[in-house]
Amino acid sequence: MAGTSRTMFAMATDRNLPTYLARVHPRYKVPYLAEMTVGVILVAVVLLADVRTAIGFSAFTVLL
């Protein structure tokens, strides 16, 4: 998740994310809604999938 935060920030500033996810926090300068969304998805994948599936999902989403 730490590696994707910079990518999401760049995508938010370039307006490549949907408007809802591209909102940047005025004080901390991070796309906080995108970060929380990715965190929820990450927790769901970890709880519902085995390690190999989680790694595959991570690689797929990074390439996507």
PDB file of N, CA and C in Angstrom:
ATOM      1  N   MET A   1       0.819  -1.184   0.000  1.00  0.00           N
ATOM      2  CA  MET A   1       0.000   0.000   0.000  1.00  0.00           C
ATOM      3  C   MET A   1       0.868   1.255   0.000  1.00  0.00           C
ATOM      4  N   ALA A   2       2.021   1.173   0.614  1.00  0.00           N
ATOM      5  CA  ALA A   2       2.896   2.342   0.663  1.00  0.00           C
ATOM      6  C   ALA A   2       3.367   2.747  -0.728  1.00  0.00           C
ATOM      7  N   GLY A   3       3.608   1.779  -1.579  1.00  0.00           N
ATOM      8  CA  GLY A   3       4.055   2.088  -2.937  1.00  0.00           C
ATOM      9  C   GLY A   3       2.973   2.672  -3.816  1.00  0.00           C
ATOM     10  N   THR A   4       1.735   2.308  -3.562  1.00  0.00           N
ATOM     11  CA  THR A   4       0.654   2.806  -4.405  1.00  0.00           C
ATOM     12  C   THR A   4       0.189   4.197  -4.009  1.00  0.00           C
ATOM     13  N   SER A   5       0.550   4.661  -2.823  1.00  0.00           N
ATOM     14  CA  SER A   5       0.080   5.977  -2.393  1.00  0.00           C
ATOM     15  C   SER A   5       0.650   7.091  -3.261  1.00  0.00           C
ATOM     16  N   ARG A   6       1.895   6.999  -3.632  1.00  0.00           N
ATOM     17  CA  ARG A   6       2.491   8.020  -4.512  1.00  0.00           C
ATOM     18  C   ARG A   6       1.870   7.960  -5.903  1.00  0.00           C
ATOM     19  N   THR A   7       1.602   6.762  -6.377  1.00  0.00           N
ATOM     20  CA  THR A   7       0.955   6.615  -7.678  1.00  0.00           C
ATOM     21  C   THR A   7      -0.439   7.219  -7.658  1.00  0.00           C
ATOM     22  N   MET A   8      -1.182   6.963  -6.589  1.00  0.00           N
ATOM     23  CA  MET A   8      -2.523   7.531  -6.480  1.00  0.00           C
ATOM     24  C   MET A   8      -2.476   9.048  -6.386  1.00  0.00           C
ATOM     25  N   PHE A   9      -1.471   9.595  -5.687  1.00  0.00           N
ATOM     26  CA  PHE A   9      -1.354  11.042  -5.610  1.00  0.00           C
ATOM     27  C   PHE A   9      -1.094  11.638  -6.987  1.00  0.00           C
ATOM     28  N   ALA A  10      -0.189  11.016  -7.744  1.00  0.00           N
ATOM     29  CA  ALA A  10       0.100  11.504  -9.093  1.00  0.00           C
ATOM     30  C   ALA A  10      -1.132  11.403  -9.982  1.00  0.00           C
ATOM     31  N   MET A  11      -1.861  10.308  -9.874  1.00  0.00           N
ATOM     32  CA  MET A  11      -3.080  10.143 -10.670  1.00  0.00           C
ATOM     33  C   MET A  11      -4.146  11.152 -10.247  1.00  0.00           C
ATOM     34  N   ALA A  12      -4.225  11.465  -8.969  1.00  0.00           N
ATOM     35  CA  ALA A  12      -5.213  12.434  -8.485  1.00  0.00           C
ATOM     36  C   ALA A  12      -4.896  13.835  -8.992  1.00  0.00           C
ATOM     37  N   THR A  13      -3.624  14.214  -8.966  1.00  0.00           N
ATOM     38  CA  THR A  13      -3.260  15.552  -9.434  1.00  0.00           C
ATOM     39  C   THR A  13      -3.392  15.681 -10.947  1.00  0.00           C
ATOM     40  N   ASP A  14      -3.235  14.576 -11.675  1.00  0.00           N
ATOM     41  CA  ASP A  14      -3.405  14.589 -13.132  1.00  0.00           C
ATOM     42  C   ASP A  14      -4.849  14.351 -13.552  1.00  0.00           C
ATOM     43  N   ARG A  15      -5.733  14.192 -12.567  1.00  0.00           N
ATOM     44  CA  ARG A  15      -7.166  13.948 -12.792  1.00  0.00           C
ATOM     45  C   ARG A  15      -7.418  12.648 -13.570  1.00  0.00           C
ATOM     46  N   ASN A  16      -6.630  11.620 -13.240  1.00  0.00           N
ATOM     47  CA  ASN A  16      -6.820  10.302 -13.838  1.00  0.00           C
ATOM     48  C   ASN A  16      -7.680   9.389 -12.972  1.00  0.00           C
ATOM     49  N   LEU A  17      -8.028   9.836 -11.790  1.00  0.00           N
ATOM     50  CA  LEU A  17      -8.907   9.086 -10.906  1.00  0.00           C
ATOM     51  C   LEU A  17     -10.306   9.670 -10.991  1.00  0.00           C
ATOM     52  N   PRO A  18     -11.320   8.878 -10.661  1.00  0.00           N
ATOM     53  CA  PRO A  18     -12.661   9.466 -10.575  1.00  0.00           C
ATOM     54  C   PRO A  18     -12.675  10.611  -9.565  1.00  0.00           C
ATOM     55  N   THR A  19     -13.548  11.567  -9.768  1.00  0.00           N
ATOM     56  CA  THR A  19     -13.587  12.776  -8.940  1.00  0.00           C
ATOM     57  C   THR A  19     -13.681  12.451  -7.458  1.00  0.00           C
ATOM     58  N   TYR A  20     -14.504  11.470  -7.113  1.00  0.00           N
ATOM     59  CA  TYR A  20     -14.662  11.096  -5.705  1.00  0.00           C
ATOM     60  C   TYR A  20     -13.334  10.654  -5.097  1.00  0.00           C
ATOM     61  N   LEU A  21     -12.567   9.847  -5.811  1.00  0.00           N
ATOM     62  CA  LEU A  21     -11.309   9.328  -5.280  1.00  0.00           C
ATOM     63  C   LEU A  21     -10.155  10.319  -5.388  1.00  0.00           C
ATOM     64  N   ALA A  22     -10.284  11.321  -6.232  1.00  0.00           N
ATOM     65  CA  ALA A  22      -9.185  12.258  -6.473  1.00  0.00           C
ATOM     66  C   ALA A  22      -9.142  13.414  -5.489  1.00  0.00           C
ATOM     67  N   ARG A  23     -10.044  13.452  -4.529  1.00  0.00           N
ATOM     68  CA  ARG A  23     -10.027  14.544  -3.544  1.00  0.00           C
ATOM     69  C   ARG A  23      -8.755  14.478  -2.706  1.00  0.00           C
ATOM     70  N   VAL A  24      -8.022  15.573  -2.695  1.00  0.00           N
ATOM     71  CA  VAL A  24      -6.762  15.647  -1.948  1.00  0.00           C
ATOM     72  C   VAL A  24      -7.017  16.414  -0.657  1.00  0.00           C
ATOM     73  N   HIS A  25      -6.542  15.849   0.454  1.00  0.00           N
ATOM     74  CA  HIS A  25      -6.727  16.472   1.762  1.00  0.00           C
ATOM     75  C   HIS A  25      -6.008  17.821   1.775  1.00  0.00           C
ATOM     76  N   PRO A  26      -6.675  18.895   2.212  1.00  0.00           N
ATOM     77  CA  PRO A  26      -6.064  20.230   2.159  1.00  0.00           C
ATOM     78  C   PRO A  26      -4.831  20.388   3.046  1.00  0.00           C
ATOM     79  N   ARG A  27      -4.780  19.689   4.153  1.00  0.00           N
ATOM     80  CA  ARG A  27      -3.636  19.848   5.056  1.00  0.00           C
ATOM     81  C   ARG A  27      -2.518  18.860   4.762  1.00  0.00           C
ATOM     82  N   TYR A  28      -2.874  17.588   4.545  1.00  0.00           N
ATOM     83  CA  TYR A  28      -1.855  16.546   4.401  1.00  0.00           C
ATOM     84  C   TYR A  28      -1.460  16.265   2.959  1.00  0.00           C
ATOM     85  N   LYS A  29      -2.198  16.805   2.006  1.00  0.00           N
ATOM     86  CA  LYS A  29      -1.881  16.684   0.575  1.00  0.00           C
ATOM     87  C   LYS A  29      -1.784  15.235   0.111  1.00  0.00           C
ATOM     88  N   VAL A  30      -2.737  14.420   0.543  1.00  0.00           N
ATOM     89  CA  VAL A  30      -2.839  13.029   0.087  1.00  0.00           C
ATOM     90  C   VAL A  30      -4.260  12.777  -0.394  1.00  0.00           C
ATOM     91  N   PRO A  31      -4.434  11.890  -1.378  1.00  0.00           N
ATOM     92  CA  PRO A  31      -5.793  11.534  -1.808  1.00  0.00           C
ATOM     93  C   PRO A  31      -6.408  10.567  -0.794  1.00  0.00           C
ATOM     94  N   TYR A  32      -6.943  11.112   0.271  1.00  0.00           N
ATOM     95  CA  TYR A  32      -7.348  10.328   1.426  1.00  0.00           C
ATOM     96  C   TYR A  32      -8.482   9.349   1.132  1.00  0.00           C
ATOM     97  N   LEU A  33      -9.420   9.702   0.280  1.00  0.00           N
ATOM     98  CA  LEU A  33     -10.507   8.769  -0.034  1.00  0.00           C
ATOM     99  C   LEU A  33      -9.999   7.585  -0.861  1.00  0.00           C
ATOM    100  N   ALA A  34      -9.063   7.847  -1.756  1.00  0.00           N
ATOM    101  CA  ALA A  34      -8.462   6.757  -2.526  1.00  0.00           C
ATOM    102  C   ALA A  34      -7.656   5.841  -1.613  1.00  0.00           C
ATOM    103  N   GLU A  35      -6.938   6.423  -0.661  1.00  0.00           N
ATOM    104  CA  GLU A  35      -6.154   5.627   0.286  1.00  0.00           C
ATOM    105  C   GLU A  35      -7.062   4.740   1.133  1.00  0.00           C
ATOM    106  N   MET A  36      -8.156   5.298   1.619  1.00  0.00           N
ATOM    107  CA  MET A  36      -9.073   4.502   2.438  1.00  0.00           C
ATOM    108  C   MET A  36      -9.741   3.405   1.615  1.00  0.00           C
ATOM    109  N   THR A  37     -10.084   3.697   0.368  1.00  0.00           N
ATOM    110  CA  THR A  37     -10.702   2.693  -0.502  1.00  0.00           C
ATOM    111  C   THR A  37      -9.746   1.538  -0.757  1.00  0.00           C
ATOM    112  N   VAL A  38      -8.506   1.850  -1.057  1.00  0.00           N
ATOM    113  CA  VAL A  38      -7.508   0.799  -1.281  1.00  0.00           C
ATOM    114  C   VAL A  38      -7.277   0.007   0.001  1.00  0.00           C
ATOM    115  N   GLY A  39      -7.274   0.673   1.138  1.00  0.00           N
ATOM    116  CA  GLY A  39      -7.103  -0.026   2.414  1.00  0.00           C
ATOM    117  C   GLY A  39      -8.223  -1.008   2.689  1.00  0.00           C
ATOM    118  N   VAL A  40      -9.459  -0.606   2.416  1.00  0.00           N
ATOM    119  CA  VAL A  40     -10.602  -1.509   2.620  1.00  0.00           C
ATOM    120  C   VAL A  40     -10.506  -2.709   1.681  1.00  0.00           C
ATOM    121  N   ILE A  41     -10.160  -2.465   0.427  1.00  0.00           N
ATOM    122  CA  ILE A  41     -10.010  -3.572  -0.531  1.00  0.00           C
ATOM    123  C   ILE A  41      -8.879  -4.496  -0.102  1.00  0.00           C
ATOM    124  N   LEU A  42      -7.788  -3.925   0.371  1.00  0.00           N
ATOM    125  CA  LEU A  42      -6.643  -4.715   0.826  1.00  0.00           C
ATOM    126  C   LEU A  42      -7.012  -5.602   2.004  1.00  0.00           C
ATOM    127  N   VAL A  43      -7.719  -5.057   2.966  1.00  0.00           N
ATOM    128  CA  VAL A  43      -8.146  -5.845   4.127  1.00  0.00           C
ATOM    129  C   VAL A  43      -9.071  -6.984   3.681  1.00  0.00           C
ATOM    130  N   ALA A  44      -9.977  -6.700   2.762  1.00  0.00           N
ATOM    131  CA  ALA A  44     -10.893  -7.731   2.270  1.00  0.00           C
ATOM    132  C   ALA A  44     -10.139  -8.856   1.560  1.00  0.00           C
ATOM    133  N   VAL A  45      -9.154  -8.497   0.741  1.00  0.00           N
ATOM    134  CA  VAL A  45      -8.377  -9.523   0.029  1.00  0.00           C
ATOM    135  C   VAL A  45      -7.585 -10.366   1.016  1.00  0.00           C
ATOM    136  N   VAL A  46      -6.980  -9.742   2.010  1.00  0.00           N
ATOM    137  CA  VAL A  46      -6.190 -10.485   2.995  1.00  0.00           C
ATOM    138  C   VAL A  46      -7.076 -11.432   3.805  1.00  0.00           C
ATOM    139  N   LEU A  47      -8.271 -10.982   4.149  1.00  0.00           N
ATOM    140  CA  LEU A  47      -9.161 -11.827   4.954  1.00  0.00           C
ATOM    141  C   LEU A  47      -9.813 -12.948   4.149  1.00  0.00           C
ATOM    142  N   LEU A  48     -10.050 -12.715   2.869  1.00  0.00           N
ATOM    143  CA  LEU A  48     -10.812 -13.677   2.072  1.00  0.00           C
ATOM    144  C   LEU A  48      -9.967 -14.580   1.187  1.00  0.00           C
ATOM    145  N   ALA A  49      -8.717 -14.255   0.958  1.00  0.00           N
ATOM    146  CA  ALA A  49      -7.905 -15.020   0.011  1.00  0.00           C
ATOM    147  C   ALA A  49      -6.671 -15.590   0.704  1.00  0.00           C
ATOM    148  N   ASP A  50      -6.109 -16.606   0.084  1.00  0.00           N
ATOM    149  CA  ASP A  50      -4.844 -17.130   0.599  1.00  0.00           C
ATOM    150  C   ASP A  50      -3.700 -16.254   0.097  1.00  0.00           C
ATOM    151  N   VAL A  51      -2.493 -16.542   0.524  1.00  0.00           N
ATOM    152  CA  VAL A  51      -1.346 -15.680   0.235  1.00  0.00           C
ATOM    153  C   VAL A  51      -1.069 -15.609  -1.261  1.00  0.00           C
ATOM    154  N   ARG A  52      -1.121 -16.729  -1.955  1.00  0.00           N
ATOM    155  CA  ARG A  52      -0.829 -16.732  -3.391  1.00  0.00           C
ATOM    156  C   ARG A  52      -1.836 -15.893  -4.166  1.00  0.00           C
ATOM    157  N   THR A  53      -3.091 -15.998  -3.813  1.00  0.00           N
ATOM    158  CA  THR A  53      -4.121 -15.214  -4.486  1.00  0.00           C
ATOM    159  C   THR A  53      -3.934 -13.734  -4.195  1.00  0.00           C
ATOM    160  N   ALA A  54      -3.600 -13.384  -2.952  1.00  0.00           N
ATOM    161  CA  ALA A  54      -3.380 -11.990  -2.590  1.00  0.00           C
ATOM    162  C   ALA A  54      -2.197 -11.399  -3.355  1.00  0.00           C
ATOM    163  N   ILE A  55      -1.128 -12.164  -3.500  1.00  0.00           N
ATOM    164  CA  ILE A  55       0.044 -11.699  -4.248  1.00  0.00           C
ATOM    165  C   ILE A  55      -0.310 -11.527  -5.727  1.00  0.00           C
ATOM    166  N   GLY A  56      -1.031 -12.474  -6.289  1.00  0.00           N
ATOM    167  CA  GLY A  56      -1.466 -12.363  -7.672  1.00  0.00           C
ATOM    168  C   GLY A  56      -2.364 -11.167  -7.903  1.00  0.00           C
ATOM    169  N   PHE A  57      -3.295 -10.939  -6.980  1.00  0.00           N
ATOM    170  CA  PHE A  57      -4.190  -9.781  -7.075  1.00  0.00           C
ATOM    171  C   PHE A  57      -3.386  -8.496  -7.006  1.00  0.00           C
ATOM    172  N   SER A  58      -2.405  -8.441  -6.118  1.00  0.00           N
ATOM    173  CA  SER A  58      -1.572  -7.249  -5.988  1.00  0.00           C
ATOM    174  C   SER A  58      -0.793  -6.978  -7.278  1.00  0.00           C
ATOM    175  N   ALA A  59      -0.202  -8.005  -7.837  1.00  0.00           N
ATOM    176  CA  ALA A  59       0.558  -7.834  -9.081  1.00  0.00           C
ATOM    177  C   ALA A  59      -0.354  -7.388 -10.216  1.00  0.00           C
ATOM    178  N   PHE A  60      -1.552  -7.964 -10.283  1.00  0.00           N
ATOM    179  CA  PHE A  60      -2.501  -7.588 -11.326  1.00  0.00           C
ATOM    180  C   PHE A  60      -2.906  -6.125 -11.206  1.00  0.00           C
ATOM    181  N   THR A  61      -3.227  -5.672  -9.995  1.00  0.00           N
ATOM    182  CA  THR A  61      -3.677  -4.293  -9.836  1.00  0.00           C
ATOM    183  C   THR A  61      -2.555  -3.287 -10.074  1.00  0.00           C
ATOM    184  N   VAL A  62      -1.318  -3.641  -9.743  1.00  0.00           N
ATOM    185  CA  VAL A  62      -0.188  -2.742 -10.015  1.00  0.00           C
ATOM    186  C   VAL A  62      -0.016  -2.595 -11.518  1.00  0.00           C
ATOM    187  N   LEU A  63      -0.120  -3.693 -12.251  1.00  0.00           N
ATOM    188  CA  LEU A  63       0.027  -3.625 -13.706  1.00  0.00           C
ATOM    189  C   LEU A  63      -1.153  -2.947 -14.376  1.00  0.00           C
ATOM    190  N   LEU A  64      -2.306  -3.070 -13.760  1.00  0.00           N
ATOM    191  CA  LEU A  64      -3.511  -2.434 -14.322  1.00  0.00           C
ATOM    192  C   LEU A  64      -3.389  -0.934 -14.236  1.00  0.00           C
TER     193      LEU A  64
END
